[in-house]
Amino acid sequence: MPNNRYLVLLAITLSTFFGGSNFNAGASVVADASPYVVATERFVFATIIIMIFMLLKDHTSIIAL
């Protein structure tokens, strides 16, 4: 059980780091591109990553997609 606790603490630390750095990265990206383009790219990238995880988890069934 102690491994789960460390894994949870690591996940919280990483999410705080990435969430906090997102504001700095977003400010510099929006200076070069439209906010709509940036938002669309983020959602497309996230969708692709989630679909890959779904296929890896249950590669025998593609019905969920």
C-alpha atoms as a PDB file:
ATOM      1  CA  MET A   1       0.000   0.000   0.000  1.00  0.00           C
ATOM      2  CA  PRO A   2       2.833   2.499   0.555  1.00  0.00           C
ATOM      3  CA  ASN A   3       3.593   2.428  -3.181  1.00  0.00           C
ATOM      4  CA  ASN A   4       0.118   3.810  -3.921  1.00  0.00           C
ATOM      5  CA  ARG A   5       0.674   6.695  -1.537  1.00  0.00           C
ATOM      6  CA  TYR A   6       3.910   7.699  -3.242  1.00  0.00           C
ATOM      7  CA  LEU A   7       2.285   7.344  -6.633  1.00  0.00           C
ATOM      8  CA  VAL A   8      -0.558   9.654  -5.579  1.00  0.00           C
ATOM      9  CA  LEU A   9       1.891  12.211  -4.195  1.00  0.00           C
ATOM     10  CA  LEU A  10       3.898  12.072  -7.420  1.00  0.00           C
ATOM     11  CA  ALA A  11       0.749  12.553  -9.511  1.00  0.00           C
ATOM     12  CA  ILE A  12      -0.331  15.558  -7.437  1.00  0.00           C
ATOM     13  CA  THR A  13       3.125  17.110  -7.681  1.00  0.00           C
ATOM     14  CA  LEU A  14       3.296  16.600 -11.448  1.00  0.00           C
ATOM     15  CA  SER A  15      -0.205  17.958 -12.033  1.00  0.00           C
ATOM     16  CA  THR A  16       0.639  21.056  -9.976  1.00  0.00           C
ATOM     17  CA  PHE A  17       3.843  21.567 -11.931  1.00  0.00           C
ATOM     18  CA  PHE A  18       2.220  21.166 -15.349  1.00  0.00           C
ATOM     19  CA  GLY A  19      -0.817  23.211 -14.385  1.00  0.00           C
ATOM     20  CA  GLY A  20       1.344  26.054 -13.115  1.00  0.00           C
ATOM     21  CA  SER A  21       3.673  26.035 -16.097  1.00  0.00           C
ATOM     22  CA  ASN A  22       0.705  25.976 -18.460  1.00  0.00           C
ATOM     23  CA  PHE A  23      -0.006  29.665 -17.819  1.00  0.00           C
ATOM     24  CA  ASN A  24       3.539  30.699 -18.732  1.00  0.00           C
ATOM     25  CA  ALA A  25       3.618  28.551 -21.853  1.00  0.00           C
ATOM     26  CA  GLY A  26       0.133  29.703 -22.885  1.00  0.00           C
ATOM     27  CA  ALA A  27       1.092  33.363 -22.705  1.00  0.00           C
ATOM     28  CA  SER A  28       4.055  32.899 -25.022  1.00  0.00           C
ATOM     29  CA  VAL A  29       2.127  30.695 -27.462  1.00  0.00           C
ATOM     30  CA  VAL A  30      -0.847  33.051 -27.724  1.00  0.00           C
ATOM     31  CA  ALA A  31       1.566  35.863 -28.600  1.00  0.00           C
ATOM     32  CA  ASP A  32       2.432  33.956 -31.801  1.00  0.00           C
ATOM     33  CA  ALA A  33      -0.880  32.283 -32.699  1.00  0.00           C
ATOM     34  CA  SER A  34      -4.602  32.791 -32.340  1.00  0.00           C
ATOM     35  CA  PRO A  35      -6.110  31.520 -29.075  1.00  0.00           C
ATOM     36  CA  TYR A  36      -8.621  29.471 -31.084  1.00  0.00           C
ATOM     37  CA  VAL A  37      -5.855  27.715 -32.998  1.00  0.00           C
ATOM     38  CA  VAL A  38      -3.977  26.983 -29.780  1.00  0.00           C
ATOM     39  CA  ALA A  39      -7.102  25.617 -28.075  1.00  0.00           C
ATOM     40  CA  THR A  40      -7.938  23.442 -31.087  1.00  0.00           C
ATOM     41  CA  GLU A  41      -4.421  22.023 -31.186  1.00  0.00           C
ATOM     42  CA  ARG A  42      -4.556  21.226 -27.463  1.00  0.00           C
ATOM     43  CA  PHE A  43      -7.850  19.371 -27.770  1.00  0.00           C
ATOM     44  CA  VAL A  44      -6.776  17.461 -30.880  1.00  0.00           C
ATOM     45  CA  PHE A  45      -3.527  16.435 -29.202  1.00  0.00           C
ATOM     46  CA  ALA A  46      -5.362  15.361 -26.028  1.00  0.00           C
ATOM     47  CA  THR A  47      -7.903  13.388 -28.081  1.00  0.00           C
ATOM     48  CA  ILE A  48      -5.152  11.510 -29.894  1.00  0.00           C
ATOM     49  CA  ILE A  49      -3.400  10.669 -26.624  1.00  0.00           C
ATOM     50  CA  ILE A  50      -6.645   9.447 -25.023  1.00  0.00           C
ATOM     51  CA  MET A  51      -7.481   7.327 -28.073  1.00  0.00           C
ATOM     52  CA  ILE A  52      -4.034   5.723 -27.944  1.00  0.00           C
ATOM     53  CA  PHE A  53      -4.514   4.863 -24.266  1.00  0.00           C
ATOM     54  CA  MET A  54      -7.961   3.444 -25.015  1.00  0.00           C
ATOM     55  CA  LEU A  55      -6.605   1.254 -27.790  1.00  0.00           C
ATOM     56  CA  LEU A  56      -3.704   0.062 -25.640  1.00  0.00           C
ATOM     57  CA  LYS A  57      -6.030  -0.803 -22.781  1.00  0.00           C
ATOM     58  CA  ASP A  58      -8.517  -2.767 -24.897  1.00  0.00           C
ATOM     59  CA  HIS A  59      -6.917  -3.408 -28.255  1.00  0.00           C
ATOM     60  CA  THR A  60      -9.385  -6.167 -29.168  1.00  0.00           C
ATOM     61  CA  SER A  61     -12.345  -3.827 -29.377  1.00  0.00           C
ATOM     62  CA  ILE A  62     -12.404  -0.606 -31.342  1.00  0.00           C
ATOM     63  CA  ILE A  63     -16.146  -0.087 -30.781  1.00  0.00           C
ATOM     64  CA  ALA A  64     -15.472   2.481 -28.043  1.00  0.00           C
ATOM     65  CA  LEU A  65     -13.936   4.792 -30.621  1.00  0.00           C
END
